[in-house]
Amino acid sequence: MTPRRRKMIRSGDTIHNPVTGERITFHQTSADTNGEAVVIECTVQPHGFVAAAHVHPSQTERFAVIEGRLGMKVGRQRLVLERGDITVVEP
Protein backbone atom coordinates (compact mmCIF):
# COMPACT_ATOMS: atom_id res chain seq x y z
CA MET A 1 0.00 0.00 0.00
CA THR A 2 1.36 3.41 -0.94
CA PRO A 3 1.35 5.89 1.95
CA ARG A 4 -0.99 8.82 1.43
CA ARG A 5 0.87 12.08 1.04
CA ARG A 6 -0.29 14.93 3.28
CA LYS A 7 -0.84 18.32 1.75
CA MET A 8 -1.36 21.70 3.37
CA ILE A 9 -4.14 23.82 1.92
CA ARG A 10 -2.97 26.54 -0.47
CA SER A 11 -4.51 29.70 -1.89
CA GLY A 12 -6.74 28.75 -4.80
CA ASP A 13 -7.59 25.30 -3.40
CA THR A 14 -11.26 24.34 -3.14
CA ILE A 15 -12.75 21.65 -0.95
CA HIS A 16 -16.32 20.32 -1.14
CA ASN A 17 -18.46 18.57 1.45
CA PRO A 18 -21.24 16.72 -0.39
CA VAL A 19 -23.09 15.98 2.88
CA THR A 20 -23.56 19.63 3.91
CA GLY A 21 -23.44 21.25 0.47
CA GLU A 22 -20.50 23.47 1.46
CA ARG A 23 -17.84 24.44 -1.06
CA ILE A 24 -14.89 26.37 0.39
CA THR A 25 -12.32 28.19 -1.73
CA PHE A 26 -9.21 29.47 0.04
CA HIS A 27 -8.23 32.96 -1.17
CA GLN A 28 -5.49 33.52 1.45
CA THR A 29 -4.04 31.09 3.95
CA SER A 30 -2.22 31.60 7.21
CA ALA A 31 1.02 30.97 5.33
CA ASP A 32 0.21 33.83 2.92
CA THR A 33 -0.48 36.31 5.73
CA ASN A 34 2.20 35.38 8.28
CA GLY A 35 -0.48 33.88 10.51
CA GLU A 36 -2.63 37.02 10.55
CA ALA A 37 -5.66 35.81 8.58
CA VAL A 38 -7.32 33.12 6.53
CA VAL A 39 -9.67 34.35 3.79
CA ILE A 40 -12.17 31.88 2.39
CA GLU A 41 -15.26 31.96 0.23
CA CYS A 42 -17.85 29.48 1.43
CA THR A 43 -20.74 28.60 -0.85
CA VAL A 44 -23.62 26.62 0.62
CA GLN A 45 -26.29 25.06 -1.56
CA PRO A 46 -29.93 25.98 -0.86
CA HIS A 47 -31.04 24.20 2.33
CA GLY A 48 -27.39 23.26 2.96
CA PHE A 49 -25.64 23.91 6.26
CA VAL A 50 -22.28 24.33 7.94
CA ALA A 51 -21.16 21.06 9.50
CA ALA A 52 -21.43 22.09 13.17
CA ALA A 53 -21.77 25.06 15.44
CA HIS A 54 -18.33 26.17 16.55
CA VAL A 55 -16.41 28.85 18.42
CA HIS A 56 -13.10 30.52 17.62
CA PRO A 57 -11.57 31.52 20.97
CA SER A 58 -9.13 34.08 19.54
CA GLN A 59 -10.16 34.72 15.92
CA THR A 60 -12.61 37.27 14.54
CA GLU A 61 -14.88 36.11 11.71
CA ARG A 62 -16.38 38.41 9.08
CA PHE A 63 -19.34 37.22 7.01
CA ALA A 64 -20.41 38.98 3.80
CA VAL A 65 -23.40 37.63 1.91
CA ILE A 66 -22.77 37.80 -1.83
CA GLU A 67 -25.97 36.09 -2.93
CA GLY A 68 -29.01 34.54 -1.24
CA ARG A 69 -29.59 34.47 2.51
CA LEU A 70 -27.54 33.23 5.45
CA GLY A 71 -29.05 32.18 8.75
CA MET A 72 -26.68 32.00 11.68
CA LYS A 73 -26.58 32.06 15.45
CA VAL A 74 -24.15 34.32 17.29
CA GLY A 75 -24.22 33.56 21.00
CA ARG A 76 -27.93 33.44 21.77
CA GLN A 77 -28.90 35.78 18.93
CA ARG A 78 -30.26 34.39 15.66
CA LEU A 79 -29.45 36.41 12.54
CA VAL A 80 -30.65 36.25 8.96
CA LEU A 81 -28.32 38.06 6.59
CA GLU A 82 -29.42 39.07 3.09
CA ARG A 83 -27.41 39.84 -0.04
CA GLY A 84 -25.06 42.73 0.70
CA ASP A 85 -25.21 42.31 4.49
CA ILE A 86 -22.00 42.01 6.49
CA THR A 87 -21.55 40.99 10.11
CA VAL A 88 -18.47 40.53 12.28
CA VAL A 89 -18.29 37.92 15.03
CA GLU A 90 -15.74 38.66 17.72
CA PRO A 91 -14.10 35.92 19.84
PDB file of N, CA and C in Angstrom:
ATOM      1  N   MET A   1       0.837  -1.162   0.000  1.00  0.00           N
ATOM      2  CA  MET A   1       0.000   0.000   0.000  1.00  0.00           C
ATOM      3  C   MET A   1       0.895   1.243   0.000  1.00  0.00           C
ATOM      4  N   THR A   2       0.599   2.165  -0.867  1.00  0.00           N
ATOM      5  CA  THR A   2       1.362   3.406  -0.943  1.00  0.00           C
ATOM      6  C   THR A   2       0.870   4.369   0.130  1.00  0.00           C
ATOM      7  N   PRO A   3       1.792   4.944   0.920  1.00  0.00           N
ATOM      8  CA  PRO A   3       1.347   5.889   1.945  1.00  0.00           C
ATOM      9  C   PRO A   3       0.730   7.129   1.301  1.00  0.00           C
ATOM     10  N   ARG A   4      -0.323   7.628   1.938  1.00  0.00           N
ATOM     11  CA  ARG A   4      -0.986   8.818   1.425  1.00  0.00           C
ATOM     12  C   ARG A   4      -0.167  10.046   1.784  1.00  0.00           C
ATOM     13  N   ARG A   5       0.073  10.881   0.820  1.00  0.00           N
ATOM     14  CA  ARG A   5       0.867  12.078   1.038  1.00  0.00           C
ATOM     15  C   ARG A   5      -0.005  13.183   1.619  1.00  0.00           C
ATOM     16  N   ARG A   6       0.461  13.839   2.654  1.00  0.00           N
ATOM     17  CA  ARG A   6      -0.287  14.929   3.277  1.00  0.00           C
ATOM     18  C   ARG A   6       0.019  16.225   2.569  1.00  0.00           C
ATOM     19  N   LYS A   7      -0.985  17.062   2.464  1.00  0.00           N
ATOM     20  CA  LYS A   7      -0.836  18.324   1.752  1.00  0.00           C
ATOM     21  C   LYS A   7      -1.490  19.440   2.556  1.00  0.00           C
ATOM     22  N   MET A   8      -0.785  20.527   2.729  1.00  0.00           N
ATOM     23  CA  MET A   8      -1.362  21.701   3.374  1.00  0.00           C
ATOM     24  C   MET A   8      -2.200  22.445   2.344  1.00  0.00           C
ATOM     25  N   ILE A   9      -3.269  23.059   2.814  1.00  0.00           N
ATOM     26  CA  ILE A   9      -4.137  23.822   1.924  1.00  0.00           C
ATOM     27  C   ILE A   9      -3.371  25.034   1.398  1.00  0.00           C
ATOM     28  N   ARG A  10      -3.639  25.396   0.163  1.00  0.00           N
ATOM     29  CA  ARG A  10      -2.973  26.543  -0.471  1.00  0.00           C
ATOM     30  C   ARG A  10      -4.009  27.487  -1.054  1.00  0.00           C
ATOM     31  N   SER A  11      -3.622  28.737  -1.233  1.00  0.00           N
ATOM     32  CA  SER A  11      -4.507  29.698  -1.891  1.00  0.00           C
ATOM     33  C   SER A  11      -4.921  29.144  -3.241  1.00  0.00           C
ATOM     34  N   GLY A  12      -6.210  29.264  -3.544  1.00  0.00           N
ATOM     35  CA  GLY A  12      -6.740  28.747  -4.801  1.00  0.00           C
ATOM     36  C   GLY A  12      -7.341  27.359  -4.678  1.00  0.00           C
ATOM     37  N   ASP A  13      -7.011  26.630  -3.602  1.00  0.00           N
ATOM     38  CA  ASP A  13      -7.585  25.296  -3.396  1.00  0.00           C
ATOM     39  C   ASP A  13      -9.064  25.411  -3.038  1.00  0.00           C
ATOM     40  N   THR A  14      -9.841  24.428  -3.475  1.00  0.00           N
ATOM     41  CA  THR A  14     -11.264  24.342  -3.136  1.00  0.00           C
ATOM     42  C   THR A  14     -11.548  22.958  -2.584  1.00  0.00           C
ATOM     43  N   ILE A  15     -12.304  22.918  -1.496  1.00  0.00           N
ATOM     44  CA  ILE A  15     -12.755  21.645  -0.946  1.00  0.00           C
ATOM     45  C   ILE A  15     -14.278  21.635  -0.957  1.00  0.00           C
ATOM     46  N   HIS A  16     -14.866  20.451  -1.050  1.00  0.00           N
ATOM     47  CA  HIS A  16     -16.317  20.318  -1.138  1.00  0.00           C
ATOM     48  C   HIS A  16     -16.789  19.243  -0.175  1.00  0.00           C
ATOM     49  N   ASN A  17     -17.844  19.550   0.556  1.00  0.00           N
ATOM     50  CA  ASN A  17     -18.460  18.572   1.450  1.00  0.00           C
ATOM     51  C   ASN A  17     -19.829  18.224   0.875  1.00  0.00           C
ATOM     52  N   PRO A  18     -19.970  17.062   0.242  1.00  0.00           N
ATOM     53  CA  PRO A  18     -21.241  16.715  -0.390  1.00  0.00           C
ATOM     54  C   PRO A  18     -22.373  16.479   0.606  1.00  0.00           C
ATOM     55  N   VAL A  19     -22.049  16.216   1.867  1.00  0.00           N
ATOM     56  CA  VAL A  19     -23.087  15.984   2.877  1.00  0.00           C
ATOM     57  C   VAL A  19     -23.780  17.292   3.252  1.00  0.00           C
ATOM     58  N   THR A  20     -22.998  18.347   3.475  1.00  0.00           N
ATOM     59  CA  THR A  20     -23.558  19.626   3.913  1.00  0.00           C
ATOM     60  C   THR A  20     -23.866  20.570   2.758  1.00  0.00           C
ATOM     61  N   GLY A  21     -23.269  20.338   1.596  1.00  0.00           N
ATOM     62  CA  GLY A  21     -23.440  21.249   0.469  1.00  0.00           C
ATOM     63  C   GLY A  21     -22.469  22.415   0.491  1.00  0.00           C
ATOM     64  N   GLU A  22     -21.492  22.387   1.385  1.00  0.00           N
ATOM     65  CA  GLU A  22     -20.499  23.467   1.460  1.00  0.00           C
ATOM     66  C   GLU A  22     -19.416  23.292   0.400  1.00  0.00           C
ATOM     67  N   ARG A  23     -19.007  24.408  -0.184  1.00  0.00           N
ATOM     68  CA  ARG A  23     -17.841  24.441  -1.057  1.00  0.00           C
ATOM     69  C   ARG A  23     -16.996  25.618  -0.567  1.00  0.00           C
ATOM     70  N   ILE A  24     -15.754  25.337  -0.178  1.00  0.00           N
ATOM     71  CA  ILE A  24     -14.887  26.370   0.391  1.00  0.00           C
ATOM     72  C   ILE A  24     -13.680  26.566  -0.507  1.00  0.00           C
ATOM     73  N   THR A  25     -13.492  27.815  -0.941  1.00  0.00           N
ATOM     74  CA  THR A  25     -12.320  28.189  -1.726  1.00  0.00           C
ATOM     75  C   THR A  25     -11.436  29.068  -0.852  1.00  0.00           C
ATOM     76  N   PHE A  26     -10.169  28.725  -0.777  1.00  0.00           N
ATOM     77  CA  PHE A  26      -9.211  29.468   0.037  1.00  0.00           C
ATOM     78  C   PHE A  26      -8.567  30.557  -0.812  1.00  0.00           C
ATOM     79  N   HIS A  27      -8.814  31.825  -0.443  1.00  0.00           N
ATOM     80  CA  HIS A  27      -8.230  32.956  -1.166  1.00  0.00           C
ATOM     81  C   HIS A  27      -6.886  33.361  -0.564  1.00  0.00           C
ATOM     82  N   GLN A  28      -6.769  33.281   0.761  1.00  0.00           N
ATOM     83  CA  GLN A  28      -5.495  33.515   1.445  1.00  0.00           C
ATOM     84  C   GLN A  28      -5.413  32.538   2.607  1.00  0.00           C
ATOM     85  N   THR A  29      -4.239  32.001   2.826  1.00  0.00           N
ATOM     86  CA  THR A  29      -4.036  31.086   3.946  1.00  0.00           C
ATOM     87  C   THR A  29      -3.187  31.766   5.016  1.00  0.00           C
ATOM     88  N   SER A  30      -3.070  31.109   6.138  1.00  0.00           N
ATOM     89  CA  SER A  30      -2.224  31.604   7.211  1.00  0.00           C
ATOM     90  C   SER A  30      -0.782  31.783   6.727  1.00  0.00           C
ATOM     91  N   ALA A  31      -0.342  30.874   5.873  1.00  0.00           N
ATOM     92  CA  ALA A  31       1.024  30.969   5.332  1.00  0.00           C
ATOM     93  C   ALA A  31       1.195  32.224   4.478  1.00  0.00           C
ATOM     94  N   ASP A  32       0.141  32.634   3.772  1.00  0.00           N
ATOM     95  CA  ASP A  32       0.205  33.829   2.917  1.00  0.00           C
ATOM     96  C   ASP A  32       0.246  35.119   3.726  1.00  0.00           C
ATOM     97  N   THR A  33      -0.307  35.091   4.941  1.00  0.00           N
ATOM     98  CA  THR A  33      -0.481  36.314   5.728  1.00  0.00           C
ATOM     99  C   THR A  33       0.337  36.315   7.019  1.00  0.00           C
ATOM    100  N   ASN A  34       1.366  35.488   7.072  1.00  0.00           N
ATOM    101  CA  ASN A  34       2.198  35.380   8.277  1.00  0.00           C
ATOM    102  C   ASN A  34       1.361  35.110   9.524  1.00  0.00           C
ATOM    103  N   GLY A  35       0.347  34.273   9.380  1.00  0.00           N
ATOM    104  CA  GLY A  35      -0.476  33.885  10.514  1.00  0.00           C
ATOM    105  C   GLY A  35      -1.535  34.885  10.926  1.00  0.00           C
ATOM    106  N   GLU A  36      -1.686  35.968  10.172  1.00  0.00           N
ATOM    107  CA  GLU A  36      -2.629  37.020  10.552  1.00  0.00           C
ATOM    108  C   GLU A  36      -4.074  36.735  10.157  1.00  0.00           C
ATOM    109  N   ALA A  37      -4.289  36.007   9.059  1.00  0.00           N
ATOM    110  CA  ALA A  37      -5.662  35.814   8.577  1.00  0.00           C
ATOM    111  C   ALA A  37      -5.751  34.606   7.659  1.00  0.00           C
ATOM    112  N   VAL A  38      -6.958  34.107   7.544  1.00  0.00           N
ATOM    113  CA  VAL A  38      -7.317  33.116   6.534  1.00  0.00           C
ATOM    114  C   VAL A  38      -8.560  33.681   5.857  1.00  0.00           C
ATOM    115  N   VAL A  39      -8.534  33.794   4.538  1.00  0.00           N
ATOM    116  CA  VAL A  39      -9.666  34.347   3.793  1.00  0.00           C
ATOM    117  C   VAL A  39     -10.231  33.249   2.916  1.00  0.00           C
ATOM    118  N   ILE A  40     -11.513  32.926   3.163  1.00  0.00           N
ATOM    119  CA  ILE A  40     -12.171  31.880   2.388  1.00  0.00           C
ATOM    120  C   ILE A  40     -13.466  32.411   1.799  1.00  0.00           C
ATOM    121  N   GLU A  41     -13.916  31.746   0.762  1.00  0.00           N
ATOM    122  CA  GLU A  41     -15.257  31.961   0.227  1.00  0.00           C
ATOM    123  C   GLU A  41     -15.994  30.644   0.410  1.00  0.00           C
ATOM    124  N   CYS A  42     -17.079  30.683   1.146  1.00  0.00           N
ATOM    125  CA  CYS A  42     -17.853  29.475   1.431  1.00  0.00           C
ATOM    126  C   CYS A  42     -19.198  29.586   0.729  1.00  0.00           C
ATOM    127  N   THR A  43     -19.463  28.658  -0.153  1.00  0.00           N
ATOM    128  CA  THR A  43     -20.741  28.596  -0.848  1.00  0.00           C
ATOM    129  C   THR A  43     -21.517  27.421  -0.278  1.00  0.00           C
ATOM    130  N   VAL A  44     -22.758  27.674   0.087  1.00  0.00           N
ATOM    131  CA  VAL A  44     -23.618  26.624   0.623  1.00  0.00           C
ATOM    132  C   VAL A  44     -24.825  26.505  -0.298  1.00  0.00           C
ATOM    133  N   GLN A  45     -25.137  25.298  -0.698  1.00  0.00           N
ATOM    134  CA  GLN A  45     -26.292  25.055  -1.561  1.00  0.00           C
ATOM    135  C   GLN A  45     -27.581  25.399  -0.811  1.00  0.00           C
ATOM    136  N   PRO A  46     -28.657  25.738  -1.536  1.00  0.00           N
ATOM    137  CA  PRO A  46     -29.935  25.985  -0.856  1.00  0.00           C
ATOM    138  C   PRO A  46     -30.278  24.820   0.078  1.00  0.00           C
ATOM    139  N   HIS A  47     -30.690  25.158   1.274  1.00  0.00           N
ATOM    140  CA  HIS A  47     -31.036  24.205   2.328  1.00  0.00           C
ATOM    141  C   HIS A  47     -29.818  23.431   2.835  1.00  0.00           C
ATOM    142  N   GLY A  48     -28.612  23.859   2.436  1.00  0.00           N
ATOM    143  CA  GLY A  48     -27.392  23.260   2.962  1.00  0.00           C
ATOM    144  C   GLY A  48     -27.090  23.858   4.326  1.00  0.00           C
ATOM    145  N   PHE A  49     -25.979  23.437   4.922  1.00  0.00           N
ATOM    146  CA  PHE A  49     -25.640  23.911   6.256  1.00  0.00           C
ATOM    147  C   PHE A  49     -24.150  23.757   6.496  1.00  0.00           C
ATOM    148  N   VAL A  50     -23.654  24.487   7.485  1.00  0.00           N
ATOM    149  CA  VAL A  50     -22.279  24.332   7.940  1.00  0.00           C
ATOM    150  C   VAL A  50     -22.265  23.132   8.880  1.00  0.00           C
ATOM    151  N   ALA A  51     -21.214  22.357   8.817  1.00  0.00           N
ATOM    152  CA  ALA A  51     -21.163  21.060   9.502  1.00  0.00           C
ATOM    153  C   ALA A  51     -21.564  21.099  10.975  1.00  0.00           C
ATOM    154  N   ALA A  52     -21.095  22.065  11.739  1.00  0.00           N
ATOM    155  CA  ALA A  52     -21.425  22.090  13.167  1.00  0.00           C
ATOM    156  C   ALA A  52     -21.218  23.491  13.727  1.00  0.00           C
ATOM    157  N   ALA A  53     -21.993  23.805  14.737  1.00  0.00           N
ATOM    158  CA  ALA A  53     -21.768  25.063  15.441  1.00  0.00           C
ATOM    159  C   ALA A  53     -20.371  25.016  16.048  1.00  0.00           C
ATOM    160  N   HIS A  54     -19.697  26.152  16.044  1.00  0.00           N
ATOM    161  CA  HIS A  54     -18.333  26.166  16.554  1.00  0.00           C
ATOM    162  C   HIS A  54     -17.985  27.549  17.093  1.00  0.00           C
ATOM    163  N   VAL A  55     -16.893  27.616  17.817  1.00  0.00           N
ATOM    164  CA  VAL A  55     -16.413  28.854  18.417  1.00  0.00           C
ATOM    165  C   VAL A  55     -14.936  28.993  18.096  1.00  0.00           C
ATOM    166  N   HIS A  56     -14.517  30.217  17.799  1.00  0.00           N
ATOM    167  CA  HIS A  56     -13.096  30.520  17.624  1.00  0.00           C
ATOM    168  C   HIS A  56     -12.675  31.367  18.825  1.00  0.00           C
ATOM    169  N   PRO A  57     -11.882  30.811  19.738  1.00  0.00           N
ATOM    170  CA  PRO A  57     -11.570  31.525  20.972  1.00  0.00           C
ATOM    171  C   PRO A  57     -10.718  32.774  20.798  1.00  0.00           C
ATOM    172  N   SER A  58      -9.973  32.886  19.696  1.00  0.00           N
ATOM    173  CA  SER A  58      -9.133  34.077  19.538  1.00  0.00           C
ATOM    174  C   SER A  58      -9.162  34.656  18.127  1.00  0.00           C
ATOM    175  N   GLN A  59     -10.066  34.199  17.284  1.00  0.00           N
ATOM    176  CA  GLN A  59     -10.158  34.716  15.923  1.00  0.00           C
ATOM    177  C   GLN A  59     -11.477  35.459  15.720  1.00  0.00           C
ATOM    178  N   THR A  60     -11.419  36.531  14.949  1.00  0.00           N
ATOM    179  CA  THR A  60     -12.611  37.270  14.542  1.00  0.00           C
ATOM    180  C   THR A  60     -13.040  36.743  13.185  1.00  0.00           C
ATOM    181  N   GLU A  61     -14.351  36.544  13.007  1.00  0.00           N
ATOM    182  CA  GLU A  61     -14.878  36.109  11.714  1.00  0.00           C
ATOM    183  C   GLU A  61     -15.721  37.229  11.117  1.00  0.00           C
ATOM    184  N   ARG A  62     -15.582  37.422   9.810  1.00  0.00           N
ATOM    185  CA  ARG A  62     -16.383  38.411   9.078  1.00  0.00           C
ATOM    186  C   ARG A  62     -17.169  37.661   8.017  1.00  0.00           C
ATOM    187  N   PHE A  63     -18.469  37.874   7.986  1.00  0.00           N
ATOM    188  CA  PHE A  63     -19.341  37.225   7.014  1.00  0.00           C
ATOM    189  C   PHE A  63     -19.930  38.288   6.099  1.00  0.00           C
ATOM    190  N   ALA A  64     -19.812  38.090   4.799  1.00  0.00           N
ATOM    191  CA  ALA A  64     -20.409  38.981   3.804  1.00  0.00           C
ATOM    192  C   ALA A  64     -21.234  38.116   2.861  1.00  0.00           C
ATOM    193  N   VAL A  65     -22.520  38.421   2.754  1.00  0.00           N
ATOM    194  CA  VAL A  65     -23.404  37.626   1.909  1.00  0.00           C
ATOM    195  C   VAL A  65     -23.366  38.196   0.494  1.00  0.00           C
ATOM    196  N   ILE A  66     -22.901  37.387  -0.440  1.00  0.00           N
ATOM    197  CA  ILE A  66     -22.772  37.802  -1.835  1.00  0.00           C
ATOM    198  C   ILE A  66     -24.073  37.552  -2.587  1.00  0.00           C
ATOM    199  N   GLU A  67     -24.729  36.455  -2.252  1.00  0.00           N
ATOM    200  CA  GLU A  67     -25.971  36.091  -2.933  1.00  0.00           C
ATOM    201  C   GLU A  67     -26.810  35.237  -1.989  1.00  0.00           C
ATOM    202  N   GLY A  68     -28.121  35.365  -2.056  1.00  0.00           N
ATOM    203  CA  GLY A  68     -29.010  34.539  -1.244  1.00  0.00           C
ATOM    204  C   GLY A  68     -29.145  35.059   0.172  1.00  0.00           C
ATOM    205  N   ARG A  69     -29.404  34.147   1.097  1.00  0.00           N
ATOM    206  CA  ARG A  69     -29.592  34.468   2.512  1.00  0.00           C
ATOM    207  C   ARG A  69     -28.738  33.538   3.356  1.00  0.00           C
ATOM    208  N   LEU A  70     -28.338  34.031   4.520  1.00  0.00           N
ATOM    209  CA  LEU A  70     -27.543  33.235   5.449  1.00  0.00           C
ATOM    210  C   LEU A  70     -28.158  33.342   6.834  1.00  0.00           C
ATOM    211  N   GLY A  71     -28.582  32.208   7.374  1.00  0.00           N
ATOM    212  CA  GLY A  71     -29.054  32.179   8.749  1.00  0.00           C
ATOM    213  C   GLY A  71     -27.918  31.722   9.639  1.00  0.00           C
ATOM    214  N   MET A  72     -27.758  32.380  10.776  1.00  0.00           N
ATOM    215  CA  MET A  72     -26.684  32.004  11.685  1.00  0.00           C
ATOM    216  C   MET A  72     -27.063  32.369  13.112  1.00  0.00           C
ATOM    217  N   LYS A  73     -26.375  31.762  14.035  1.00  0.00           N
ATOM    218  CA  LYS A  73     -26.576  32.058  15.447  1.00  0.00           C
ATOM    219  C   LYS A  73     -25.257  32.575  16.007  1.00  0.00           C
ATOM    220  N   VAL A  74     -25.317  33.727  16.659  1.00  0.00           N
ATOM    221  CA  VAL A  74     -24.145  34.323  17.291  1.00  0.00           C
ATOM    222  C   VAL A  74     -24.479  34.447  18.772  1.00  0.00           C
ATOM    223  N   GLY A  75     -23.829  33.626  19.585  1.00  0.00           N
ATOM    224  CA  GLY A  75     -24.216  33.562  20.996  1.00  0.00           C
ATOM    225  C   GLY A  75     -25.645  33.049  21.074  1.00  0.00           C
ATOM    226  N   ARG A  76     -26.517  33.829  21.684  1.00  0.00           N
ATOM    227  CA  ARG A  76     -27.935  33.440  21.765  1.00  0.00           C
ATOM    228  C   ARG A  76     -28.791  34.152  20.729  1.00  0.00           C
ATOM    229  N   GLN A  77     -28.168  34.992  19.926  1.00  0.00           N
ATOM    230  CA  GLN A  77     -28.905  35.777  18.931  1.00  0.00           C
ATOM    231  C   GLN A  77     -28.936  35.054  17.584  1.00  0.00           C
ATOM    232  N   ARG A  78     -30.117  34.963  16.996  1.00  0.00           N
ATOM    233  CA  ARG A  78     -30.262  34.387  15.656  1.00  0.00           C
ATOM    234  C   ARG A  78     -30.304  35.524  14.649  1.00  0.00           C
ATOM    235  N   LEU A  79     -29.518  35.391  13.590  1.00  0.00           N
ATOM    236  CA  LEU A  79     -29.449  36.410  12.543  1.00  0.00           C
ATOM    237  C   LEU A  79     -29.851  35.801  11.211  1.00  0.00           C
ATOM    238  N   VAL A  80     -30.435  36.616  10.360  1.00  0.00           N
ATOM    239  CA  VAL A  80     -30.648  36.249   8.964  1.00  0.00           C
ATOM    240  C   VAL A  80     -30.062  37.383   8.143  1.00  0.00           C
ATOM    241  N   LEU A  81     -28.997  37.072   7.418  1.00  0.00           N
ATOM    242  CA  LEU A  81     -28.323  38.061   6.589  1.00  0.00           C
ATOM    243  C   LEU A  81     -28.794  37.910   5.152  1.00  0.00           C
ATOM    244  N   GLU A  82     -28.987  39.037   4.488  1.00  0.00           N
ATOM    245  CA  GLU A  82     -29.421  39.067   3.094  1.00  0.00           C
ATOM    246  C   GLU A  82     -28.252  39.512   2.219  1.00  0.00           C
ATOM    247  N   ARG A  83     -28.435  39.398   0.918  1.00  0.00           N
ATOM    248  CA  ARG A  83     -27.415  39.836  -0.040  1.00  0.00           C
ATOM    249  C   ARG A  83     -26.953  41.256   0.304  1.00  0.00           C
ATOM    250  N   GLY A  84     -25.639  41.432   0.388  1.00  0.00           N
ATOM    251  CA  GLY A  84     -25.057  42.733   0.700  1.00  0.00           C
ATOM    252  C   GLY A  84     -24.812  42.967   2.185  1.00  0.00           C
ATOM    253  N   ASP A  85     -25.410  42.155   3.044  1.00  0.00           N
ATOM    254  CA  ASP A  85     -25.211  42.310   4.487  1.00  0.00           C
ATOM    255  C   ASP A  85     -23.840  41.778   4.898  1.00  0.00           C
ATOM    256  N   ILE A  86     -23.289  42.419   5.922  1.00  0.00           N
ATOM    257  CA  ILE A  86     -22.000  42.010   6.492  1.00  0.00           C
ATOM    258  C   ILE A  86     -22.159  41.997   8.007  1.00  0.00           C
ATOM    259  N   THR A  87     -21.594  41.001   8.648  1.00  0.00           N
ATOM    260  CA  THR A  87     -21.545  40.986  10.110  1.00  0.00           C
ATOM    261  C   THR A  87     -20.177  40.478  10.547  1.00  0.00           C
ATOM    262  N   VAL A  88     -19.756  40.934  11.705  1.00  0.00           N
ATOM    263  CA  VAL A  88     -18.473  40.527  12.275  1.00  0.00           C
ATOM    264  C   VAL A  88     -18.757  39.827  13.601  1.00  0.00           C
ATOM    265  N   VAL A  89     -18.139  38.675  13.790  1.00  0.00           N
ATOM    266  CA  VAL A  89     -18.294  37.916  15.030  1.00  0.00           C
ATOM    267  C   VAL A  89     -16.949  37.930  15.753  1.00  0.00           C
ATOM    268  N   GLU A  90     -16.956  38.561  16.909  1.00  0.00           N
ATOM    269  CA  GLU A  90     -15.736  38.660  17.716  1.00  0.00           C
ATOM    270  C   GLU A  90     -15.566  37.384  18.546  1.00  0.00           C
ATOM    271  N   PRO A  91     -14.327  37.108  18.984  1.00  0.00           N
ATOM    272  CA  PRO A  91     -14.102  35.925  19.838  1.00  0.00           C
ATOM    273  C   PRO A  91     -14.859  36.028  21.154  1.00  0.00           C
TER     274      PRO A  91
END
